[in-house]
Protein backbone atom coordinates (compact mmCIF):
# COMPACT_ATOMS: atom_id res chain seq x y z
CA MET A 1 -40.69 53.13 292.22
CA GLU A 2 -42.01 52.81 288.68
CA LEU A 3 -43.96 49.61 287.97
CA TYR A 4 -44.07 47.86 284.62
CA LEU A 5 -47.08 45.66 285.41
CA GLY A 6 -49.27 46.47 282.40
CA GLU A 7 -46.35 46.42 279.99
CA ASN A 8 -45.19 43.08 281.39
CA ILE A 9 -48.65 41.48 281.25
CA LYS A 10 -48.86 42.37 277.56
CA LYS A 11 -45.31 41.20 276.83
CA LEU A 12 -45.71 37.87 278.65
CA ARG A 13 -49.18 37.28 277.15
CA LEU A 14 -47.93 37.81 273.61
CA GLU A 15 -44.86 35.64 274.19
CA ARG A 16 -47.23 32.80 275.10
CA GLY A 17 -49.54 33.42 272.17
CA LEU A 18 -52.50 34.33 274.38
CA THR A 19 -55.30 36.78 273.57
CA GLN A 20 -56.68 39.34 275.98
CA GLU A 21 -59.94 37.35 275.97
CA THR A 22 -58.15 34.16 277.06
CA LEU A 23 -56.51 35.88 280.00
CA ALA A 24 -59.73 37.70 280.88
CA ASP A 25 -61.77 34.46 280.86
CA PHE A 26 -59.27 32.76 283.16
CA LEU A 27 -59.36 35.67 285.63
CA GLY A 28 -63.09 36.21 285.40
CA VAL A 29 -62.83 39.80 284.18
CA THR A 30 -63.71 41.54 280.92
CA PHE A 31 -61.14 41.77 278.13
CA GLN A 32 -61.60 45.55 278.36
CA SER A 33 -60.12 45.36 281.88
CA VAL A 34 -57.08 43.51 280.59
CA SER A 35 -56.76 46.08 277.80
CA ARG A 36 -56.79 48.95 280.34
CA TRP A 37 -54.11 47.24 282.43
CA GLU A 38 -51.88 46.80 279.40
CA ARG A 39 -52.30 50.45 278.44
CA GLY A 40 -51.31 51.52 281.94
CA GLU A 41 -54.72 53.02 282.66
CA GLY A 42 -55.32 50.88 285.72
CA TYR A 43 -54.05 47.90 287.70
CA PRO A 44 -55.57 44.53 288.61
CA ASP A 45 -56.58 43.96 292.22
CA ILE A 46 -53.57 42.99 294.32
CA SER A 47 -55.18 39.64 295.14
CA MET A 48 -55.02 38.76 291.42
CA LEU A 49 -51.24 39.12 291.15
CA PRO A 50 -50.37 35.57 292.34
CA VAL A 51 -53.05 34.14 290.02
CA ILE A 52 -51.83 36.12 287.00
CA SER A 53 -48.18 35.29 287.70
CA LYS A 54 -48.98 31.59 288.04
CA PHE A 55 -50.99 31.60 284.80
CA LEU A 56 -48.12 33.33 282.95
CA ASN A 57 -45.55 31.11 284.71
CA VAL A 58 -43.48 33.90 286.24
CA SER A 59 -42.82 35.20 289.74
CA VAL A 60 -44.81 38.12 291.15
CA ASP A 61 -41.58 40.15 291.20
CA GLU A 62 -41.02 39.49 287.49
CA LEU A 63 -44.64 40.33 286.76
CA LEU A 64 -44.30 43.66 288.57
CA GLY A 65 -41.00 44.37 286.85
CA VAL A 66 -39.02 44.60 290.10
CA ASN A 67 -35.95 43.13 288.42
CA ARG A 68 -36.37 45.60 285.60
CA VAL A 69 -36.48 48.49 288.06
CA GLU A 70 -33.22 47.26 289.54
CA ASP A 71 -31.80 46.92 286.04
CA GLU A 72 -32.92 50.48 285.24
CA GLU A 73 -31.03 51.82 288.23
CA GLN A 74 -27.93 49.88 287.23
CA ILE A 75 -28.19 50.92 283.57
CA ASP A 76 -28.63 54.58 284.56
CA LYS A 77 -25.51 54.37 286.69
CA LEU A 78 -23.44 52.67 283.97
CA LEU A 79 -24.67 55.04 281.25
CA LYS A 80 -23.68 58.05 283.33
CA GLU A 81 -20.22 56.56 283.83
CA HIS A 82 -19.97 55.85 280.10
CA ASP A 83 -21.06 59.37 279.12
CA ASN A 84 -18.37 60.86 281.34
CA LEU A 85 -15.50 58.99 279.67
CA THR A 86 -13.17 60.80 277.28
CA ASP A 87 -10.58 58.09 276.60
CA GLU A 88 -11.55 56.26 273.38
CA ASN A 89 -10.34 52.85 274.54
CA LEU A 90 -12.33 53.11 277.77
CA ILE A 91 -15.38 54.30 275.83
CA TRP A 92 -15.32 51.23 273.58
CA GLU A 93 -14.72 48.87 276.48
CA SER A 94 -17.64 50.43 278.33
CA ILE A 95 -20.15 50.36 275.45
CA ASN A 96 -19.25 46.79 274.46
CA ASN A 97 -19.86 45.66 278.04
CA LEU A 98 -23.19 47.49 278.11
CA LYS A 99 -24.22 46.06 274.74
CA GLU A 100 -23.42 42.55 275.87
CA LYS A 101 -25.36 42.91 279.12
CA TYR A 102 -28.30 45.04 277.90
CA PRO A 103 -28.55 44.45 274.13
CA ASN A 104 -32.21 45.50 273.90
CA ASP A 105 -31.95 48.79 275.77
CA PHE A 106 -32.50 51.63 273.30
CA ARG A 107 -30.20 53.99 275.21
CA VAL A 108 -27.36 51.48 274.93
CA GLN A 109 -28.10 50.94 271.23
CA LEU A 110 -28.08 54.71 270.69
CA ARG A 111 -24.65 55.11 272.25
CA TYR A 112 -23.22 52.16 270.34
CA MET A 113 -24.55 53.65 267.09
CA GLY A 114 -23.09 57.05 268.03
CA ASN A 115 -19.68 55.57 268.78
CA LEU A 116 -19.58 53.80 265.42
CA ILE A 117 -20.40 57.08 263.70
CA PHE A 118 -18.29 59.58 265.63
CA TYR A 119 -15.21 57.37 265.93
CA ASN A 120 -15.05 56.87 262.14
CA LYS A 121 -16.11 53.23 262.08
CA ILE A 122 -18.76 53.84 259.44
CA THR A 123 -17.29 52.04 256.42
CA ASP A 124 -17.49 48.52 257.85
CA ASN A 125 -20.63 49.05 259.92
CA LYS A 126 -23.20 50.64 257.61
CA SER A 127 -25.70 47.80 257.99
CA ILE A 128 -25.40 47.87 261.78
CA ILE A 129 -25.87 51.64 261.94
CA ASN A 130 -28.89 51.50 259.62
CA SER A 131 -30.40 48.60 261.55
CA ILE A 132 -30.04 50.31 264.93
CA TYR A 133 -31.46 53.56 263.57
CA GLN A 134 -34.51 51.87 262.02
CA ASN A 135 -35.11 49.84 265.19
CA ILE A 136 -35.05 52.95 267.39
CA GLN A 137 -37.34 54.92 265.07
CA LYS A 138 -39.82 52.05 264.76
CA ASN A 139 -39.92 50.65 268.28
CA CYS A 140 -38.63 53.23 270.79
CA THR A 141 -41.34 55.37 272.39
CA VAL A 142 -39.00 57.84 274.13
CA ASP A 143 -38.85 61.01 272.01
CA SER A 144 -35.47 62.15 273.33
CA VAL A 145 -33.84 58.86 272.25
CA ARG A 146 -35.51 58.89 268.84
CA ILE A 147 -34.55 62.52 268.18
CA CYS A 148 -30.97 61.96 269.31
CA ALA A 149 -30.77 58.96 266.96
CA LYS A 150 -31.87 61.27 264.14
CA ARG A 151 -29.13 63.72 265.10
CA TYR A 152 -26.52 60.98 264.92
CA TYR A 153 -27.98 59.68 261.66
CA ILE A 154 -27.75 63.14 260.08
CA TYR A 155 -24.02 63.18 260.81
CA TYR A 156 -23.75 59.64 259.42
CA LEU A 157 -25.51 60.53 256.16
CA GLU A 158 -23.53 63.74 255.79
CA THR A 159 -20.29 61.79 256.14
CA LEU A 160 -21.42 59.35 253.47
CA ALA A 161 -22.51 62.23 251.23
CA HIS A 162 -18.87 63.36 251.18
CA THR A 163 -17.65 59.83 250.40
CA GLU A 164 -17.24 59.07 246.73
CA GLY A 165 -19.31 56.13 245.54
CA SER A 166 -21.43 55.90 248.71
CA GLY A 167 -24.68 56.45 246.83
CA VAL A 168 -25.75 58.96 249.50
CA SER A 169 -26.39 62.63 248.71
CA PHE A 170 -27.05 65.63 250.90
CA GLU A 171 -30.73 65.35 249.94
CA ASP A 172 -30.88 62.12 251.94
CA CYS A 173 -29.45 63.98 254.90
CA GLU A 174 -31.80 66.92 254.37
CA LYS A 175 -34.88 64.69 254.66
CA ILE A 176 -33.90 63.79 258.23
CA ILE A 177 -33.01 67.40 259.07
CA GLU A 178 -36.48 68.51 258.02
CA GLU A 179 -37.99 65.97 260.45
CA MET A 180 -36.15 67.45 263.42
CA PRO A 181 -37.97 69.78 265.84
CA LEU A 182 -37.19 73.50 265.92
CA MET A 183 -34.96 74.73 268.71
CA ARG A 184 -37.94 76.44 270.35
CA ASP A 185 -39.55 73.02 270.84
CA GLY A 186 -36.80 71.93 273.22
CA ARG A 187 -37.39 71.56 276.95
CA GLU A 188 -35.23 74.61 277.70
CA MET A 189 -38.00 76.83 276.37
CA TYR A 190 -40.26 75.67 279.21
CA CYS A 191 -37.88 76.26 282.11
CA PHE A 192 -39.94 79.17 283.47
CA ASN A 193 -42.90 76.84 284.05
CA TYR A 194 -41.02 75.57 287.10
CA LYS A 195 -41.05 79.08 288.57
CA MET A 196 -44.76 79.51 287.83
CA HIS A 197 -45.47 76.40 289.88
CA SER A 198 -43.22 77.52 292.75
CA ARG A 199 -40.87 74.56 292.38
CA SER A 200 -37.91 74.71 294.76
CA ASP A 201 -35.55 73.84 291.90
CA CYS A 202 -36.97 76.44 289.50
CA TYR A 203 -33.86 78.63 289.37
CA GLU A 204 -31.59 75.63 288.84
CA LYS A 205 -33.77 74.58 285.87
CA ILE A 206 -33.59 78.12 284.44
CA GLN A 207 -29.82 78.22 284.89
CA GLU A 208 -29.46 74.86 283.14
CA ALA A 209 -31.56 76.14 280.25
CA ILE A 210 -29.46 79.31 279.93
CA GLU A 211 -26.22 77.29 279.84
CA GLU A 212 -27.60 74.96 277.18
CA GLU A 213 -28.67 77.94 275.08
CA LEU A 214 -25.25 79.56 275.52
CA PHE A 215 -23.59 76.33 274.42
CA LEU A 216 -25.81 76.05 271.33
CA PHE A 217 -25.25 79.73 270.52
CA TYR A 218 -21.48 79.23 270.64
CA GLN A 219 -21.66 76.08 268.49
CA THR A 220 -23.82 77.73 265.84
CA LEU A 221 -21.81 80.96 265.78
CA SER A 222 -18.39 79.31 265.72
CA ASN A 223 -19.39 76.88 262.96
CA TYR A 224 -20.49 79.90 260.97
CA TYR A 225 -17.46 82.14 261.36
CA PHE A 226 -14.88 79.31 261.40
CA CYS A 227 -16.20 77.41 258.39
CA SER A 228 -17.22 80.26 256.10
CA GLU A 229 -14.73 81.86 253.75
CA LYS A 230 -16.69 85.10 253.84
CA PHE A 231 -15.09 86.15 257.16
CA SER A 232 -11.57 87.51 257.32
CA ARG A 233 -9.11 86.42 259.99
CA ALA A 234 -9.29 89.94 261.43
CA TYR A 235 -13.07 89.60 261.86
CA GLN A 236 -12.68 86.14 263.42
CA ILE A 237 -10.23 87.57 265.95
CA GLU A 238 -12.65 90.40 266.72
CA ILE A 239 -15.60 88.08 267.29
CA ILE A 240 -13.55 85.71 269.51
CA GLU A 241 -12.39 88.69 271.58
CA LYS A 242 -16.02 89.76 272.07
CA MET A 243 -17.05 86.20 272.88
CA LYS A 244 -14.24 86.01 275.42
CA ASP A 245 -15.44 89.23 277.06
CA PHE A 246 -19.01 87.92 277.08
CA PHE A 247 -18.11 84.63 278.79
CA ASN A 248 -16.02 86.50 281.35
CA PHE A 249 -19.02 88.74 282.00
CA VAL A 250 -21.45 85.82 282.34
CA TYR A 251 -19.07 83.75 284.51
CA ASP A 252 -17.74 86.67 286.53
CA ASP A 253 -16.53 84.38 289.33
CA GLY A 254 -14.01 82.68 287.01
CA ASN A 255 -15.70 79.27 287.12
CA TYR A 256 -16.77 78.59 283.52
CA SER A 257 -18.87 75.52 284.30
CA ARG A 258 -19.84 73.70 281.06
CA MET A 259 -17.88 76.27 279.06
CA TRP A 260 -14.42 75.47 280.47
CA ARG A 261 -13.20 73.73 277.31
CA ILE A 262 -14.66 76.41 275.06
CA VAL A 263 -13.13 79.30 276.99
CA THR A 264 -9.75 77.60 277.52
CA ASN A 265 -9.28 76.45 273.93
CA CYS A 266 -11.36 78.70 271.70
CA CYS A 267 -11.45 82.00 273.58
CA TYR A 268 -7.76 81.94 274.54
CA GLY A 269 -5.85 79.08 272.86
CA ILE A 270 -7.11 79.52 269.31
CA LEU A 271 -7.02 83.28 269.78
CA GLY A 272 -3.31 82.93 270.61
CA TRP A 273 -2.80 80.92 267.42
CA PHE A 274 -4.63 83.55 265.35
CA TYR A 275 -2.56 86.39 266.82
CA PHE A 276 0.61 84.41 266.07
CA GLU A 277 -0.56 83.95 262.49
CA LYS A 278 -1.17 87.71 262.29
CA GLY A 279 2.38 88.37 263.51
CA ASP A 280 1.41 89.78 266.91
CA THR A 281 3.70 87.64 269.09
CA GLU A 282 2.97 89.58 272.27
CA LYS A 283 -0.80 88.96 272.14
CA ALA A 284 -0.21 85.38 271.01
CA LEU A 285 1.87 84.63 274.10
CA LEU A 286 -0.57 86.51 276.35
CA ASN A 287 -3.52 84.42 275.24
CA LEU A 288 -1.64 81.12 275.20
CA ARG A 289 -0.42 81.80 278.73
CA LYS A 290 -3.98 82.54 279.89
CA SER A 291 -5.12 79.31 278.27
CA ALA A 292 -2.47 77.37 280.18
CA GLU A 293 -3.39 79.10 283.44
CA LEU A 294 -7.04 78.14 282.96
CA ALA A 295 -6.07 74.51 282.25
CA VAL A 296 -4.11 74.41 285.50
CA LYS A 297 -6.98 76.05 287.36
CA PHE A 298 -9.48 73.53 285.99
CA ASP A 299 -7.38 70.52 286.98
CA ASN A 300 -6.96 71.97 290.48
CA LEU A 301 -10.71 72.43 290.96
CA ASP A 302 -12.55 70.11 293.30
CA LYS A 303 -14.68 67.56 291.48
CA THR A 304 -17.81 69.42 292.54
CA THR A 305 -17.94 73.19 292.96
CA THR A 306 -20.61 75.85 293.33
CA LEU A 307 -20.80 78.81 290.97
CA HIS A 308 -20.92 82.31 292.49
CA SER A 309 -21.30 84.43 289.38
CA THR A 310 -24.20 86.88 289.37
CA LEU A 311 -26.15 84.93 286.75
CA PHE A 312 -25.41 81.41 288.04
CA GLU A 313 -25.18 81.97 291.81
CA GLY A 314 -25.63 78.68 293.65
CA LYS A 315 -25.50 76.45 290.55
CA PRO A 316 -23.50 73.25 291.15
CA PHE A 317 -20.86 72.16 288.66
CA ASP A 318 -19.45 68.65 288.42
CA LYS A 319 -16.17 68.41 286.47
CA ASP A 320 -17.25 65.01 285.19
CA THR A 321 -19.73 66.89 282.99
CA LEU A 322 -16.74 67.41 280.70
CA GLY A 323 -15.59 63.79 281.06
CA SER A 324 -14.33 61.87 284.05
CA THR A 325 -11.03 61.17 282.27
CA PHE A 326 -10.60 64.72 280.94
CA VAL A 327 -7.36 66.40 282.01
CA ALA A 328 -7.13 69.99 280.81
CA LYS A 329 -3.35 70.36 281.10
CA SER A 330 -2.44 67.39 278.92
CA TRP A 331 -5.15 68.36 276.43
CA MET A 332 -3.91 71.93 276.11
CA LYS A 333 -0.30 70.79 275.92
CA GLU A 334 -1.13 68.59 272.94
CA LEU A 335 -3.02 71.42 271.26
CA MET A 336 -0.19 73.91 271.72
CA THR A 337 2.67 71.59 270.78
CA ASP A 338 1.04 69.45 268.07
CA GLN A 339 -2.27 70.89 266.86
CA TYR A 340 -1.96 74.67 266.64
CA PRO A 341 0.06 75.57 263.49
CA LEU A 342 2.85 77.35 265.34
CA THR A 343 6.37 77.43 263.88
CA ASP A 344 9.30 75.58 265.43
CA ASP A 345 11.08 78.91 265.92
CA PHE A 346 8.15 80.24 267.95
CA LYS A 347 7.88 77.03 269.99
CA SER A 348 11.61 77.17 270.77
CA THR A 349 11.38 80.58 272.45
CA PRO A 350 11.82 80.72 276.24
CA GLU A 351 8.41 82.37 276.63
CA PHE A 352 6.58 79.56 274.85
CA LYS A 353 8.59 76.85 276.63
CA GLU A 354 7.67 78.44 279.96
CA ILE A 355 3.97 78.27 279.02
CA VAL A 356 4.26 74.59 278.05
CA SER A 357 6.08 73.82 281.30
CA MET A 358 2.99 75.00 283.19
CA LEU A 359 1.09 72.14 281.53
CA GLU A 360 3.52 69.40 282.54
CA ASP A 361 2.77 67.17 285.52
């Protein structure tokens, strides 16, 4: 159990307007001792705890941070539940409850800021977003939270840069981008250290790193070939076909783990749309049908499965990684019937209707 003794001594001392010397004189120790405690470089003798707690007018449990440890466990549990939600209404209900209960937790603030940005609530909440961002950068000591806040803030500034009259330019966004670490500075680059130290979970750490790198590779590549006018539709089809073959090679057991949504939608669904656009109805239907089959397969998976592909043998996969409220069939049905630009004539064919019927409950 992690203790917050030094941190709490400092916090309580400052709240009461006391100096380290004042506390040290009362306890009969040097102020350097108090300073070491507050920096977490040592602890006071256990016999001093009742004396310190009485002087600071708190219980020993509060001094040790026992309640905070319990809060940490509860916050971790609630944050995991929040991160696994995919329904927007449930997401907002969850984050508002967390914000009300734990308003000073930087992880909660980060998620609230992210929700305001990614759910297009920027216009009326600029001051709140800016305030949360500045607070995290100034006061949070956890690098992962601070860096993630920068990532969200980049998206925020970029959105404003495209908004007429916002007063924000891409140069403002670029300043934050330049502060971000290079990809090679991420923790995935150090996964093999676990193997060097004979950790029992070394291969799981390596597998997690590989999946993260695959995910980032897909994101970078797809943003490039989807968003750039320099690539023809024929080339986009070719690269998606090769990506599809690659994912099927990597996940040769048919369990796509974190990549389920990517493979189902992008490697088959969008490919079906592109073939339809090209006029190749046969390949369009083939890929759309495969997409529907994968959606059905995902929904029928147990919540927790074990991968048996050559590369990821033994790696556990929890479907909630993709969202505890995520249902692949309804998602793919919406994409095929409302989002993909397919003609009414095509959607009225018996073949397409049969595919859609696979996605109905």
